[in-house]
Amino acid sequence: MADTGDQAIPSSPRGRPAPGLEGLPRMDMGALEASVPSLVDSAVRGPLVLTRNGADAFVLLPLDAYSRLWAQAPRPPVIDAVDDPDP
């Protein structure tokens, strides 16, 4: 199948969160989608900025967009610990 950019957004496997999302709370989108379906439809199309009191407050990102952002984030250097037998 040719890549048209219209493929489904892959979700992380159950029990294995996407990198960078480990330990974060989860919420089922069912209630949100039932009460505000246009919000979920907009967020699925791409990043969506939510405002609070007229100021930007939150960004909803589809998982594929978040994964690309996480992959580009700088990482701290890894420091190897070495036991020095001679103090």
C-alpha atoms as a PDB file:
ATOM      1  CA  MET A   1       0.000   0.000   0.000  1.00  0.00           C
ATOM      2  CA  ALA A   2       1.376   3.415  -0.974  1.00  0.00           C
ATOM      3  CA  ASP A   3       1.930   5.955   1.807  1.00  0.00           C
ATOM      4  CA  THR A   4      -0.729   8.626   1.282  1.00  0.00           C
ATOM      5  CA  GLY A   5      -0.500  10.223   4.717  1.00  0.00           C
ATOM      6  CA  ASP A   6      -4.057   9.092   5.420  1.00  0.00           C
ATOM      7  CA  GLN A   7      -3.180   6.012   7.457  1.00  0.00           C
ATOM      8  CA  ALA A   8      -4.708   5.535  10.889  1.00  0.00           C
ATOM      9  CA  ILE A   9      -2.835   7.026  13.816  1.00  0.00           C
ATOM     10  CA  PRO A  10      -1.097   4.129  15.563  1.00  0.00           C
ATOM     11  CA  SER A  11      -1.756   3.850  19.265  1.00  0.00           C
ATOM     12  CA  SER A  12       0.632   2.377  21.770  1.00  0.00           C
ATOM     13  CA  PRO A  13       0.086  -1.281  22.653  1.00  0.00           C
ATOM     14  CA  ARG A  14      -1.988  -1.918  25.768  1.00  0.00           C
ATOM     15  CA  GLY A  15       0.241  -2.011  28.826  1.00  0.00           C
ATOM     16  CA  ARG A  16       3.219  -0.472  26.985  1.00  0.00           C
ATOM     17  CA  PRO A  17       2.989   3.343  26.971  1.00  0.00           C
ATOM     18  CA  ALA A  18       4.699   5.401  24.296  1.00  0.00           C
ATOM     19  CA  PRO A  19       8.196   6.656  25.220  1.00  0.00           C
ATOM     20  CA  GLY A  20       7.975   9.681  27.493  1.00  0.00           C
ATOM     21  CA  LEU A  21       4.444   8.841  28.657  1.00  0.00           C
ATOM     22  CA  GLU A  22       5.419   6.258  31.251  1.00  0.00           C
ATOM     23  CA  GLY A  23       3.767   6.782  34.630  1.00  0.00           C
ATOM     24  CA  LEU A  24       1.370   9.496  33.446  1.00  0.00           C
ATOM     25  CA  PRO A  25      -2.309   9.208  34.363  1.00  0.00           C
ATOM     26  CA  ARG A  26      -4.676   7.815  31.734  1.00  0.00           C
ATOM     27  CA  MET A  27      -8.257   8.784  30.901  1.00  0.00           C
ATOM     28  CA  ASP A  28     -10.603   6.941  28.594  1.00  0.00           C
ATOM     29  CA  MET A  29     -11.689   9.267  25.793  1.00  0.00           C
ATOM     30  CA  GLY A  30     -15.170   7.724  25.610  1.00  0.00           C
ATOM     31  CA  ALA A  31     -16.795  10.271  27.939  1.00  0.00           C
ATOM     32  CA  LEU A  32     -14.999  13.181  26.291  1.00  0.00           C
ATOM     33  CA  GLU A  33     -15.910  11.984  22.817  1.00  0.00           C
ATOM     34  CA  ALA A  34     -19.574  11.522  23.838  1.00  0.00           C
ATOM     35  CA  SER A  35     -19.847  15.022  25.301  1.00  0.00           C
ATOM     36  CA  VAL A  36     -17.672  17.011  22.862  1.00  0.00           C
ATOM     37  CA  PRO A  37     -17.233  14.984  19.664  1.00  0.00           C
ATOM     38  CA  SER A  38     -16.014  17.990  17.644  1.00  0.00           C
ATOM     39  CA  LEU A  39     -13.084  18.422  20.064  1.00  0.00           C
ATOM     40  CA  VAL A  40     -11.919  14.853  19.501  1.00  0.00           C
ATOM     41  CA  ASP A  41     -12.450  15.133  15.725  1.00  0.00           C
ATOM     42  CA  SER A  42     -10.314  18.282  15.629  1.00  0.00           C
ATOM     43  CA  ALA A  43      -7.566  16.757  17.773  1.00  0.00           C
ATOM     44  CA  VAL A  44      -7.369  13.672  15.557  1.00  0.00           C
ATOM     45  CA  ARG A  45      -6.583  15.904  12.552  1.00  0.00           C
ATOM     46  CA  GLY A  46      -3.545  17.415  14.253  1.00  0.00           C
ATOM     47  CA  PRO A  47      -2.378  19.496  17.194  1.00  0.00           C
ATOM     48  CA  LEU A  48      -5.168  21.441  18.897  1.00  0.00           C
ATOM     49  CA  VAL A  49      -4.527  24.387  21.232  1.00  0.00           C
ATOM     50  CA  LEU A  50      -6.979  24.776  24.099  1.00  0.00           C
ATOM     51  CA  THR A  51      -7.318  28.203  25.666  1.00  0.00           C
ATOM     52  CA  ARG A  52      -8.254  29.184  29.199  1.00  0.00           C
ATOM     53  CA  ASN A  53      -9.314  32.726  30.042  1.00  0.00           C
ATOM     54  CA  GLY A  54      -8.212  33.813  26.566  1.00  0.00           C
ATOM     55  CA  ALA A  55      -4.656  32.457  26.877  1.00  0.00           C
ATOM     56  CA  ASP A  56      -3.126  29.307  25.406  1.00  0.00           C
ATOM     57  CA  ALA A  57      -3.204  26.670  28.131  1.00  0.00           C
ATOM     58  CA  PHE A  58      -2.960  23.136  26.682  1.00  0.00           C
ATOM     59  CA  VAL A  59      -2.063  21.353  23.468  1.00  0.00           C
ATOM     60  CA  LEU A  60      -3.742  18.103  22.435  1.00  0.00           C
ATOM     61  CA  LEU A  61      -1.463  16.079  20.192  1.00  0.00           C
ATOM     62  CA  PRO A  62      -2.210  12.882  18.306  1.00  0.00           C
ATOM     63  CA  LEU A  63       0.159  10.132  19.414  1.00  0.00           C
ATOM     64  CA  ASP A  64       2.090  10.097  16.113  1.00  0.00           C
ATOM     65  CA  ALA A  65       2.795  13.858  16.398  1.00  0.00           C
ATOM     66  CA  TYR A  66       3.864  13.425  20.027  1.00  0.00           C
ATOM     67  CA  SER A  67       6.165  10.541  19.070  1.00  0.00           C
ATOM     68  CA  ARG A  68       7.890  12.692  16.433  1.00  0.00           C
ATOM     69  CA  LEU A  69       8.287  15.515  18.956  1.00  0.00           C
ATOM     70  CA  TRP A  70       9.674  13.132  21.609  1.00  0.00           C
ATOM     71  CA  ALA A  71      12.152  11.647  19.128  1.00  0.00           C
ATOM     72  CA  GLN A  72      13.585  15.114  18.405  1.00  0.00           C
ATOM     73  CA  ALA A  73      13.881  16.245  22.044  1.00  0.00           C
ATOM     74  CA  PRO A  74      17.461  16.591  23.295  1.00  0.00           C
ATOM     75  CA  ARG A  75      18.487  14.029  25.872  1.00  0.00           C
ATOM     76  CA  PRO A  76      20.811  14.587  28.821  1.00  0.00           C
ATOM     77  CA  PRO A  77      24.240  13.002  28.485  1.00  0.00           C
ATOM     78  CA  VAL A  78      24.705   9.521  29.879  1.00  0.00           C
ATOM     79  CA  ILE A  79      27.447   9.383  32.479  1.00  0.00           C
ATOM     80  CA  ASP A  80      28.964   5.986  33.040  1.00  0.00           C
ATOM     81  CA  ALA A  81      29.769   5.279  36.673  1.00  0.00           C
ATOM     82  CA  VAL A  82      33.092   3.560  37.164  1.00  0.00           C
ATOM     83  CA  ASP A  83      34.260   2.098  40.443  1.00  0.00           C
ATOM     84  CA  ASP A  84      37.783   3.271  41.017  1.00  0.00           C
ATOM     85  CA  PRO A  85      39.514   0.545  43.064  1.00  0.00           C
ATOM     86  CA  ASP A  86      42.334   2.973  43.969  1.00  0.00           C
ATOM     87  CA  PRO A  87      40.925   5.945  45.910  1.00  0.00           C
END
